[in-house]
Amino acid sequence: MSLDGSVRAFLALEVEAALRRSLDALQQRLRPALGGVRLTRSEGIHLTLRFLGTTSPAQASAIEPSLCAAARACPPLTARARHLGTFPERSGPRVLWLGVELPPPAFELQRACEQAARGAGFRPDERPFRAHLTLGRWGERAARPELPDVDLGETRLESLVLFRSETRPEGASYTPLLRFPLGTD
């Protein structure tokens, strides 16, 4: 892969269309109770494994072989999407999320992504990995909303993607740069 210049990038598992439709319906159902939240467009929802930040063309090229190997080593995953929450947990919320329960191979893949990032010259990510889908963000601290118990059931995660992230007034836009199917040789 070649880039013309540096981009803002991250590594994520792509979510299937059926889950996107369920997420869209959930967001619409929740909207009235979430005063001031800017909801994530359902087509932009993904399960981030590693935020990279500013990524040079050399780093993108350097990370590609490791990501390919990591994706091949991980079988397609079945995960469960349930339990709403907010970040941060103790003060006014900034992010609304839906938890994702992952099988052990997903955590191995996340660790492999972290190692690949470090090998390509990115700083270590010191934050613990918390599997979630970002459903919305508040521009300012808001009152903690009452969140219903949610279980959207199981979903398949079948590809690791290197995404470009572009911030726009209407919300972030994500473009796949590289896609690695899980468990394929």
Protein backbone atom coordinates (compact mmCIF):
# COMPACT_ATOMS: atom_id res chain seq x y z
CA MET A 1 0.00 0.00 0.00
CA SER A 2 1.22 3.49 -0.68
CA LEU A 3 -0.05 6.75 0.74
CA ASP A 4 0.59 10.20 -0.69
CA GLY A 5 1.24 11.59 2.78
CA SER A 6 0.58 11.02 6.45
CA VAL A 7 -2.95 10.21 7.57
CA ARG A 8 -4.77 9.76 10.88
CA ALA A 9 -5.39 6.01 11.17
CA PHE A 10 -6.57 3.15 13.37
CA LEU A 11 -7.01 -0.63 13.31
CA ALA A 12 -10.49 -2.07 13.79
CA LEU A 13 -12.73 -5.04 13.27
CA GLU A 14 -15.50 -4.31 10.80
CA VAL A 15 -19.05 -5.03 12.00
CA GLU A 16 -21.59 -6.79 9.79
CA ALA A 17 -24.55 -5.08 8.13
CA ALA A 18 -27.18 -6.78 10.34
CA LEU A 19 -25.56 -5.35 13.47
CA ARG A 20 -25.34 -1.90 11.85
CA ARG A 21 -29.11 -1.98 11.26
CA SER A 22 -29.73 -3.00 14.89
CA LEU A 23 -27.41 -0.23 16.10
CA ASP A 24 -29.20 2.35 13.99
CA ALA A 25 -32.57 1.29 15.45
CA LEU A 26 -31.11 1.36 18.98
CA GLN A 27 -29.69 4.84 18.49
CA GLN A 28 -33.04 6.16 17.25
CA ARG A 29 -34.80 4.60 20.23
CA LEU A 30 -32.31 6.13 22.68
CA ARG A 31 -32.02 9.59 21.07
CA PRO A 32 -34.86 11.29 23.03
CA ALA A 33 -33.31 10.33 26.40
CA LEU A 34 -29.75 11.38 25.54
CA GLY A 35 -30.02 15.17 25.36
CA GLY A 36 -27.22 16.76 23.38
CA VAL A 37 -25.49 13.58 22.21
CA ARG A 38 -24.13 13.49 18.66
CA LEU A 39 -24.81 9.96 17.46
CA THR A 40 -22.24 8.07 15.38
CA ARG A 41 -23.49 7.25 11.89
CA SER A 42 -24.13 3.50 11.83
CA GLU A 43 -21.92 3.05 8.74
CA GLY A 44 -19.00 4.43 10.76
CA ILE A 45 -19.35 2.10 13.75
CA HIS A 46 -16.47 -0.34 14.19
CA LEU A 47 -14.62 -2.15 16.98
CA THR A 48 -11.31 -0.32 17.42
CA LEU A 49 -8.38 -2.57 18.33
CA ARG A 50 -5.61 0.05 18.19
CA PHE A 51 -5.65 3.78 17.50
CA LEU A 52 -2.51 4.72 15.60
CA GLY A 53 -2.83 8.47 15.15
CA THR A 54 -0.68 10.19 12.54
CA THR A 55 0.60 7.45 10.25
CA SER A 56 3.29 7.99 7.66
CA PRO A 57 3.45 6.06 4.38
CA ALA A 58 6.54 4.23 5.71
CA GLN A 59 4.70 3.16 8.87
CA ALA A 60 1.69 1.96 6.85
CA SER A 61 3.99 -0.16 4.68
CA ALA A 62 5.91 -1.46 7.69
CA ILE A 63 2.79 -2.56 9.58
CA GLU A 64 1.07 -4.32 6.67
CA PRO A 65 2.90 -7.71 6.81
CA SER A 66 2.37 -8.05 10.56
CA LEU A 67 -1.33 -7.24 10.27
CA CYS A 68 -1.74 -9.74 7.45
CA ALA A 69 -0.11 -12.48 9.57
CA ALA A 70 -2.16 -11.55 12.67
CA ALA A 71 -5.44 -11.65 10.73
CA ARG A 72 -4.57 -15.02 9.17
CA ALA A 73 -3.83 -16.45 12.62
CA CYS A 74 -7.22 -15.34 14.02
CA PRO A 75 -10.35 -17.27 13.01
CA PRO A 76 -13.52 -15.35 12.13
CA LEU A 77 -15.09 -14.32 15.44
CA THR A 78 -18.52 -14.56 16.98
CA ALA A 79 -19.09 -11.79 19.51
CA ARG A 80 -22.06 -10.57 21.54
CA ALA A 81 -23.08 -6.88 21.54
CA ARG A 82 -24.71 -5.87 24.80
CA HIS A 83 -24.65 -3.56 27.82
CA LEU A 84 -24.66 0.20 27.32
CA GLY A 85 -22.22 2.40 29.18
CA THR A 86 -20.47 5.76 29.16
CA PHE A 87 -16.91 7.04 29.37
CA PRO A 88 -15.69 8.40 31.69
CA GLU A 89 -17.37 6.33 34.35
CA ARG A 90 -17.26 8.75 37.27
CA SER A 91 -17.91 12.25 35.92
CA GLY A 92 -20.15 13.68 33.24
CA PRO A 93 -20.22 11.34 30.26
CA ARG A 94 -18.49 12.18 26.97
CA VAL A 95 -18.95 8.87 25.09
CA LEU A 96 -21.92 6.49 24.83
CA TRP A 97 -20.88 2.93 24.03
CA LEU A 98 -22.21 -0.59 23.59
CA GLY A 99 -20.06 -3.36 25.01
CA VAL A 100 -18.81 -6.27 22.93
CA GLU A 101 -18.07 -9.63 24.53
CA LEU A 102 -15.23 -11.23 22.60
CA PRO A 103 -13.79 -14.76 22.51
CA PRO A 104 -10.11 -15.29 23.48
CA PRO A 105 -8.73 -15.18 19.89
CA ALA A 106 -9.94 -11.56 19.59
CA PHE A 107 -7.72 -10.54 22.50
CA GLU A 108 -4.79 -12.32 20.88
CA LEU A 109 -5.51 -10.34 17.70
CA GLN A 110 -5.65 -7.09 19.67
CA ARG A 111 -2.26 -7.87 21.27
CA ALA A 112 -0.83 -8.70 17.84
CA CYS A 113 -2.08 -5.33 16.55
CA GLU A 114 -0.38 -3.60 19.48
CA GLN A 115 2.88 -5.44 18.71
CA ALA A 116 2.60 -4.60 15.00
CA ALA A 117 2.07 -0.93 15.85
CA ARG A 118 5.10 -0.84 18.12
CA GLY A 119 7.16 -2.64 15.47
CA ALA A 120 6.20 0.07 12.95
CA GLY A 121 7.38 2.82 15.30
CA PHE A 122 4.18 3.81 17.11
CA ARG A 123 4.30 4.54 20.82
CA PRO A 124 2.87 1.87 23.13
CA ASP A 125 -0.80 2.31 24.00
CA GLU A 126 -0.84 2.35 27.79
CA ARG A 127 -4.64 2.26 28.10
CA PRO A 128 -6.25 -1.12 28.72
CA PHE A 129 -8.24 -2.49 25.79
CA ARG A 130 -12.01 -2.27 26.35
CA ALA A 131 -14.08 -3.85 23.59
CA HIS A 132 -16.89 -1.45 22.69
CA LEU A 133 -18.72 0.25 19.85
CA THR A 134 -18.97 4.04 20.14
CA LEU A 135 -22.60 5.02 19.61
CA GLY A 136 -22.33 8.74 20.32
CA ARG A 137 -20.43 11.62 21.86
CA TRP A 138 -21.41 14.63 23.91
CA GLY A 139 -19.72 17.93 23.01
CA GLU A 140 -19.97 19.05 26.62
CA ARG A 141 -20.29 17.15 29.86
CA ALA A 142 -23.87 16.02 30.28
CA ALA A 143 -25.98 14.53 33.02
CA ARG A 144 -25.48 10.76 33.24
CA PRO A 145 -28.43 9.24 31.35
CA GLU A 146 -30.54 6.35 32.54
CA LEU A 147 -29.54 3.53 30.18
CA PRO A 148 -31.73 0.51 29.45
CA ASP A 149 -30.42 -3.03 29.47
CA VAL A 150 -29.57 -3.86 25.87
CA ASP A 151 -28.64 -7.15 24.21
CA LEU A 152 -28.35 -7.10 20.43
CA GLY A 153 -27.24 -10.72 20.31
CA GLU A 154 -24.38 -12.34 18.46
CA THR A 155 -22.55 -10.93 15.49
CA ARG A 156 -19.74 -12.07 13.20
CA LEU A 157 -16.46 -10.18 12.93
CA GLU A 158 -14.60 -11.34 9.85
CA SER A 159 -12.07 -8.69 8.84
CA LEU A 160 -9.37 -6.51 10.32
CA VAL A 161 -9.18 -3.09 8.67
CA LEU A 162 -6.65 -0.26 8.65
CA PHE A 163 -8.90 2.82 8.47
CA ARG A 164 -8.10 6.42 7.62
CA SER A 165 -9.99 8.83 9.89
CA GLU A 166 -10.95 12.31 8.75
CA THR A 167 -12.69 14.75 11.07
CA ARG A 168 -15.41 16.81 9.39
CA PRO A 169 -18.06 19.23 10.69
CA GLU A 170 -20.80 16.63 10.04
CA GLY A 171 -18.83 13.95 11.90
CA ALA A 172 -15.88 11.67 11.35
CA SER A 173 -15.43 9.84 8.07
CA TYR A 174 -13.63 6.48 7.91
CA THR A 175 -12.05 5.07 4.76
CA PRO A 176 -10.67 1.51 4.61
CA LEU A 177 -7.03 1.57 3.46
CA LEU A 178 -6.25 -2.12 3.93
CA ARG A 179 -8.56 -5.04 4.69
CA PHE A 180 -7.37 -8.39 6.06
CA PRO A 181 -9.89 -11.25 6.20
CA LEU A 182 -9.62 -13.26 9.42
CA GLY A 183 -8.46 -16.85 9.28
CA THR A 184 -7.55 -16.99 5.60
CA ASP A 185 -4.39 -18.20 3.97
